[in-house]
């Protein structure tokens, strides 16, 4: 059985344990090769999540084995409470078709979550800045994502520091809480 099939089966088997999600990178938040990039996850900070998943590994694979053969674990035993990690990935070739997995720190066959993303060439621009939501009926989570029926705003810090990521998450939670209180 190919490693990609093992990861697919592990992802299905661990679907009930998906209490963590990757907020950056993602389908609309690429990374730039040999540059500062932010890996961010949510919910964060979250004591229940930290109890369930104290740490994880970050594993990357590409659907095109010519781009990246096999799986690459490039971050091991990452504490969940950090909320984000700024890194300079040097072993991930430029290309599309990447999938990033957050796995159990001891058993990498136990996959918590995954996302797809693209690795752009060094010197490429980062994703465009965030637009703001004008709807009074918004909800938010601690990742800094706000959404409503008419528009949405998502914080996508790629080259931002972990502190900025945490501040954006806090701002999203405050905006969402205000909108929820307004509904009551």
C-alpha atoms as a PDB file:
ATOM      1  CA  UNK A   1       0.000   0.000   0.000  1.00  0.00           C
ATOM      2  CA  UNK A   2       1.395   3.418  -0.964  1.00  0.00           C
ATOM      3  CA  UNK A   3       2.052   5.966   1.774  1.00  0.00           C
ATOM      4  CA  UNK A   4      -0.550   8.319   0.276  1.00  0.00           C
ATOM      5  CA  UNK A   5      -3.172   5.571   0.642  1.00  0.00           C
ATOM      6  CA  UNK A   6      -2.095   5.021   4.251  1.00  0.00           C
ATOM      7  CA  UNK A   7      -2.542   8.742   4.953  1.00  0.00           C
ATOM      8  CA  UNK A   8      -5.944   8.749   3.241  1.00  0.00           C
ATOM      9  CA  UNK A   9      -7.082   5.795   5.368  1.00  0.00           C
ATOM     10  CA  UNK A  10      -5.660   7.366   8.526  1.00  0.00           C
ATOM     11  CA  UNK A  11      -7.490  10.589   7.748  1.00  0.00           C
ATOM     12  CA  UNK A  12     -10.784   8.746   7.385  1.00  0.00           C
ATOM     13  CA  UNK A  13     -10.146   6.735  10.553  1.00  0.00           C
ATOM     14  CA  UNK A  14      -9.388   9.843  12.601  1.00  0.00           C
ATOM     15  CA  UNK A  15     -12.210  12.028  11.271  1.00  0.00           C
ATOM     16  CA  UNK A  16     -13.955  11.927  14.637  1.00  0.00           C
ATOM     17  CA  UNK A  17     -10.851  13.374  16.334  1.00  0.00           C
ATOM     18  CA  UNK A  18     -10.651  16.416  14.063  1.00  0.00           C
ATOM     19  CA  UNK A  19     -10.777  19.116  16.683  1.00  0.00           C
ATOM     20  CA  UNK A  20      -7.858  20.983  15.144  1.00  0.00           C
ATOM     21  CA  UNK A  21      -7.690  22.589  11.705  1.00  0.00           C
ATOM     22  CA  UNK A  22      -4.982  24.254   9.640  1.00  0.00           C
ATOM     23  CA  UNK A  23      -5.788  27.908   8.914  1.00  0.00           C
ATOM     24  CA  UNK A  24      -2.577  28.677   6.998  1.00  0.00           C
ATOM     25  CA  UNK A  25      -1.391  27.526   4.514  1.00  0.00           C
ATOM     26  CA  UNK A  26      -4.469  26.456   2.594  1.00  0.00           C
ATOM     27  CA  UNK A  27      -6.087  26.475  -0.832  1.00  0.00           C
ATOM     28  CA  UNK A  28      -6.066  30.308  -0.876  1.00  0.00           C
ATOM     29  CA  UNK A  29      -2.988  30.927   1.292  1.00  0.00           C
ATOM     30  CA  UNK A  30       0.116  29.660  -0.433  1.00  0.00           C
ATOM     31  CA  UNK A  31       3.630  29.547   0.882  1.00  0.00           C
ATOM     32  CA  UNK A  32       6.717  31.106  -0.715  1.00  0.00           C
ATOM     33  CA  UNK A  33       9.828  28.931  -1.069  1.00  0.00           C
ATOM     34  CA  UNK A  34      12.896  29.793   1.035  1.00  0.00           C
ATOM     35  CA  UNK A  35      10.959  32.613   2.731  1.00  0.00           C
ATOM     36  CA  UNK A  36       9.264  33.186   6.072  1.00  0.00           C
ATOM     37  CA  UNK A  37       5.866  31.459   6.105  1.00  0.00           C
ATOM     38  CA  UNK A  38       3.388  30.934   8.900  1.00  0.00           C
ATOM     39  CA  UNK A  39       1.784  27.652   9.782  1.00  0.00           C
ATOM     40  CA  UNK A  40      -1.325  28.464  11.843  1.00  0.00           C
ATOM     41  CA  UNK A  41      -4.012  26.270  13.389  1.00  0.00           C
ATOM     42  CA  UNK A  42      -7.217  26.626  15.344  1.00  0.00           C
ATOM     43  CA  UNK A  43      -8.947  26.612  17.717  1.00  0.00           C
ATOM     44  CA  UNK A  44      -6.258  28.336  19.655  1.00  0.00           C
ATOM     45  CA  UNK A  45      -5.668  28.859  22.480  1.00  0.00           C
ATOM     46  CA  UNK A  46      -7.913  26.039  23.638  1.00  0.00           C
ATOM     47  CA  UNK A  47      -7.290  24.080  26.852  1.00  0.00           C
ATOM     48  CA  UNK A  48      -9.459  21.138  25.766  1.00  0.00           C
ATOM     49  CA  UNK A  49      -7.553  20.843  22.484  1.00  0.00           C
ATOM     50  CA  UNK A  50      -4.203  21.059  24.278  1.00  0.00           C
ATOM     51  CA  UNK A  51      -5.341  18.250  26.570  1.00  0.00           C
ATOM     52  CA  UNK A  52      -6.446  16.083  23.632  1.00  0.00           C
ATOM     53  CA  UNK A  53      -3.540  16.988  21.308  1.00  0.00           C
ATOM     54  CA  UNK A  54      -0.567  18.351  23.285  1.00  0.00           C
ATOM     55  CA  UNK A  55       1.752  18.271  20.239  1.00  0.00           C
ATOM     56  CA  UNK A  56       1.767  17.203  16.606  1.00  0.00           C
ATOM     57  CA  UNK A  57       4.038  16.608  13.619  1.00  0.00           C
ATOM     58  CA  UNK A  58       3.693  18.407  10.291  1.00  0.00           C
ATOM     59  CA  UNK A  59       3.946  16.104   7.278  1.00  0.00           C
ATOM     60  CA  UNK A  60       3.829  17.239   3.645  1.00  0.00           C
ATOM     61  CA  UNK A  61       3.267  15.168   0.538  1.00  0.00           C
ATOM     62  CA  UNK A  62       2.618  15.955  -3.108  1.00  0.00           C
ATOM     63  CA  UNK A  63       0.232  14.127  -5.414  1.00  0.00           C
ATOM     64  CA  UNK A  64       2.952  14.320  -8.088  1.00  0.00           C
ATOM     65  CA  UNK A  65       5.796  12.035  -7.012  1.00  0.00           C
ATOM     66  CA  UNK A  66       8.060  13.847  -9.533  1.00  0.00           C
ATOM     67  CA  UNK A  67       7.757  17.015  -7.404  1.00  0.00           C
ATOM     68  CA  UNK A  68       8.175  15.380  -3.993  1.00  0.00           C
ATOM     69  CA  UNK A  69       8.743  11.657  -3.646  1.00  0.00           C
ATOM     70  CA  UNK A  70       7.176  10.274  -0.487  1.00  0.00           C
ATOM     71  CA  UNK A  71       6.245  12.133   2.658  1.00  0.00           C
ATOM     72  CA  UNK A  72       8.316  14.841   4.291  1.00  0.00           C
ATOM     73  CA  UNK A  73       8.057  15.432   8.039  1.00  0.00           C
ATOM     74  CA  UNK A  74       9.457  18.917   8.372  1.00  0.00           C
ATOM     75  CA  UNK A  75       8.279  19.875  11.843  1.00  0.00           C
ATOM     76  CA  UNK A  76       8.163  17.416  14.718  1.00  0.00           C
ATOM     77  CA  UNK A  77       6.614  17.561  18.163  1.00  0.00           C
ATOM     78  CA  UNK A  78       5.116  21.042  17.682  1.00  0.00           C
ATOM     79  CA  UNK A  79       3.280  22.175  20.857  1.00  0.00           C
ATOM     80  CA  UNK A  80      -0.407  22.865  20.160  1.00  0.00           C
ATOM     81  CA  UNK A  81      -0.530  25.870  22.508  1.00  0.00           C
ATOM     82  CA  UNK A  82       1.770  27.901  20.227  1.00  0.00           C
ATOM     83  CA  UNK A  83      -1.142  28.578  17.787  1.00  0.00           C
ATOM     84  CA  UNK A  84       1.296  29.241  14.931  1.00  0.00           C
ATOM     85  CA  UNK A  85       4.860  28.718  13.845  1.00  0.00           C
ATOM     86  CA  UNK A  86       6.868  30.883  11.474  1.00  0.00           C
ATOM     87  CA  UNK A  87       9.229  28.771   9.405  1.00  0.00           C
ATOM     88  CA  UNK A  88      11.367  28.899   6.278  1.00  0.00           C
ATOM     89  CA  UNK A  89      10.685  25.649   4.415  1.00  0.00           C
ATOM     90  CA  UNK A  90      13.762  24.780   2.367  1.00  0.00           C
ATOM     91  CA  UNK A  91      13.071  21.143   1.499  1.00  0.00           C
ATOM     92  CA  UNK A  92       9.711  21.654  -0.232  1.00  0.00           C
ATOM     93  CA  UNK A  93      10.074  22.184  -4.004  1.00  0.00           C
ATOM     94  CA  UNK A  94       7.996  24.809  -5.814  1.00  0.00           C
ATOM     95  CA  UNK A  95       4.750  23.345  -7.104  1.00  0.00           C
ATOM     96  CA  UNK A  96       1.049  22.674  -6.705  1.00  0.00           C
ATOM     97  CA  UNK A  97      -0.705  19.566  -5.423  1.00  0.00           C
ATOM     98  CA  UNK A  98       0.662  19.638  -1.881  1.00  0.00           C
ATOM     99  CA  UNK A  99      -1.217  18.276   1.093  1.00  0.00           C
ATOM    100  CA  UNK A 100      -0.166  19.147   4.628  1.00  0.00           C
ATOM    101  CA  UNK A 101      -1.096  16.811   7.488  1.00  0.00           C
ATOM    102  CA  UNK A 102      -1.005  17.429  11.227  1.00  0.00           C
ATOM    103  CA  UNK A 103      -0.326  14.032  12.759  1.00  0.00           C
ATOM    104  CA  UNK A 104       0.088  12.495  16.168  1.00  0.00           C
ATOM    105  CA  UNK A 105       3.581  13.382  17.448  1.00  0.00           C
ATOM    106  CA  UNK A 106       4.349   9.732  18.181  1.00  0.00           C
ATOM    107  CA  UNK A 107       2.260   7.869  15.594  1.00  0.00           C
ATOM    108  CA  UNK A 108       2.310   9.708  12.247  1.00  0.00           C
ATOM    109  CA  UNK A 109      -0.332   7.313  10.895  1.00  0.00           C
ATOM    110  CA  UNK A 110      -2.866   9.071  13.146  1.00  0.00           C
ATOM    111  CA  UNK A 111      -3.832  12.144  11.140  1.00  0.00           C
ATOM    112  CA  UNK A 112      -5.672  14.963  12.925  1.00  0.00           C
ATOM    113  CA  UNK A 113      -6.347  17.196   9.921  1.00  0.00           C
ATOM    114  CA  UNK A 114      -5.061  18.159   6.484  1.00  0.00           C
ATOM    115  CA  UNK A 115      -5.217  20.907   3.887  1.00  0.00           C
ATOM    116  CA  UNK A 116      -4.029  21.480   0.341  1.00  0.00           C
ATOM    117  CA  UNK A 117      -1.686  24.291  -0.632  1.00  0.00           C
ATOM    118  CA  UNK A 118       0.790  25.553  -3.201  1.00  0.00           C
ATOM    119  CA  UNK A 119       4.487  26.387  -2.804  1.00  0.00           C
ATOM    120  CA  UNK A 120       5.317  29.431  -4.928  1.00  0.00           C
ATOM    121  CA  UNK A 121       8.792  30.431  -6.101  1.00  0.00           C
ATOM    122  CA  UNK A 122      11.076  32.511  -3.907  1.00  0.00           C
ATOM    123  CA  UNK A 123      10.315  36.201  -4.430  1.00  0.00           C
ATOM    124  CA  UNK A 124       6.614  35.612  -5.146  1.00  0.00           C
ATOM    125  CA  UNK A 125       4.110  37.827  -3.387  1.00  0.00           C
ATOM    126  CA  UNK A 126       2.127  36.566  -0.426  1.00  0.00           C
ATOM    127  CA  UNK A 127      -1.672  36.244  -0.551  1.00  0.00           C
ATOM    128  CA  UNK A 128      -3.574  39.548  -0.756  1.00  0.00           C
ATOM    129  CA  UNK A 129      -4.462  41.364   2.466  1.00  0.00           C
ATOM    130  CA  UNK A 130      -7.659  40.706   4.363  1.00  0.00           C
ATOM    131  CA  UNK A 131     -10.863  42.549   3.486  1.00  0.00           C
ATOM    132  CA  UNK A 132     -13.232  43.509   6.279  1.00  0.00           C
ATOM    133  CA  UNK A 133     -16.756  42.272   6.865  1.00  0.00           C
ATOM    134  CA  UNK A 134     -19.536  44.844   6.968  1.00  0.00           C
ATOM    135  CA  UNK A 135     -22.284  42.518   8.161  1.00  0.00           C
ATOM    136  CA  UNK A 136     -23.595  42.891  11.715  1.00  0.00           C
ATOM    137  CA  UNK A 137     -24.505  39.185  11.866  1.00  0.00           C
ATOM    138  CA  UNK A 138     -21.045  37.641  11.927  1.00  0.00           C
ATOM    139  CA  UNK A 139     -19.607  34.725  13.817  1.00  0.00           C
ATOM    140  CA  UNK A 140     -15.973  34.219  14.629  1.00  0.00           C
ATOM    141  CA  UNK A 141     -13.554  31.738  16.068  1.00  0.00           C
ATOM    142  CA  UNK A 142     -10.177  32.216  17.661  1.00  0.00           C
ATOM    143  CA  UNK A 143      -8.338  31.781  14.359  1.00  0.00           C
ATOM    144  CA  UNK A 144      -9.469  35.261  13.286  1.00  0.00           C
ATOM    145  CA  UNK A 145     -12.024  34.030  10.786  1.00  0.00           C
ATOM    146  CA  UNK A 146     -15.231  36.025  10.568  1.00  0.00           C
ATOM    147  CA  UNK A 147     -18.111  34.952   8.380  1.00  0.00           C
ATOM    148  CA  UNK A 148     -21.669  36.008   7.628  1.00  0.00           C
ATOM    149  CA  UNK A 149     -24.374  35.403   5.083  1.00  0.00           C
ATOM    150  CA  UNK A 150     -23.365  38.405   2.984  1.00  0.00           C
ATOM    151  CA  UNK A 151     -19.595  38.662   3.248  1.00  0.00           C
ATOM    152  CA  UNK A 152     -16.637  37.261   5.079  1.00  0.00           C
ATOM    153  CA  UNK A 153     -13.168  38.175   6.217  1.00  0.00           C
ATOM    154  CA  UNK A 154     -10.422  35.734   6.973  1.00  0.00           C
ATOM    155  CA  UNK A 155      -7.098  36.541   8.538  1.00  0.00           C
ATOM    156  CA  UNK A 156      -4.416  34.787   6.492  1.00  0.00           C
ATOM    157  CA  UNK A 157      -1.081  35.761   7.963  1.00  0.00           C
ATOM    158  CA  UNK A 158       1.682  34.166   5.939  1.00  0.00           C
ATOM    159  CA  UNK A 159       4.732  36.197   6.770  1.00  0.00           C
ATOM    160  CA  UNK A 160       3.288  37.560  10.007  1.00  0.00           C
ATOM    161  CA  UNK A 161       4.810  36.880  13.389  1.00  0.00           C
ATOM    162  CA  UNK A 162       3.060  34.469  15.786  1.00  0.00           C
ATOM    163  CA  UNK A 163       2.172  37.469  17.976  1.00  0.00           C
ATOM    164  CA  UNK A 164       0.409  39.152  15.041  1.00  0.00           C
ATOM    165  CA  UNK A 165      -1.414  35.899  14.276  1.00  0.00           C
ATOM    166  CA  UNK A 166      -2.600  35.684  17.874  1.00  0.00           C
ATOM    167  CA  UNK A 167      -3.715  39.333  17.851  1.00  0.00           C
ATOM    168  CA  UNK A 168      -5.652  38.788  14.625  1.00  0.00           C
ATOM    169  CA  UNK A 169      -7.310  35.727  16.165  1.00  0.00           C
ATOM    170  CA  UNK A 170      -8.243  37.715  19.257  1.00  0.00           C
ATOM    171  CA  UNK A 171      -9.663  40.526  17.104  1.00  0.00           C
ATOM    172  CA  UNK A 172     -11.746  38.016  15.134  1.00  0.00           C
ATOM    173  CA  UNK A 173     -13.085  36.506  18.356  1.00  0.00           C
ATOM    174  CA  UNK A 174     -13.969  39.963  19.759  1.00  0.00           C
ATOM    175  CA  UNK A 175     -15.746  40.979  16.528  1.00  0.00           C
ATOM    176  CA  UNK A 176     -17.624  37.676  16.465  1.00  0.00           C
ATOM    177  CA  UNK A 177     -18.588  37.911  20.127  1.00  0.00           C
ATOM    178  CA  UNK A 178     -19.898  41.446  19.579  1.00  0.00           C
ATOM    179  CA  UNK A 179     -21.989  40.279  16.639  1.00  0.00           C
ATOM    180  CA  UNK A 180     -23.392  37.370  18.653  1.00  0.00           C
ATOM    181  CA  UNK A 181     -24.282  39.665  21.567  1.00  0.00           C
ATOM    182  CA  UNK A 182     -26.008  41.991  19.082  1.00  0.00           C
ATOM    183  CA  UNK A 183     -28.180  39.081  17.947  1.00  0.00           C
ATOM    184  CA  UNK A 184     -29.348  38.335  21.498  1.00  0.00           C
END
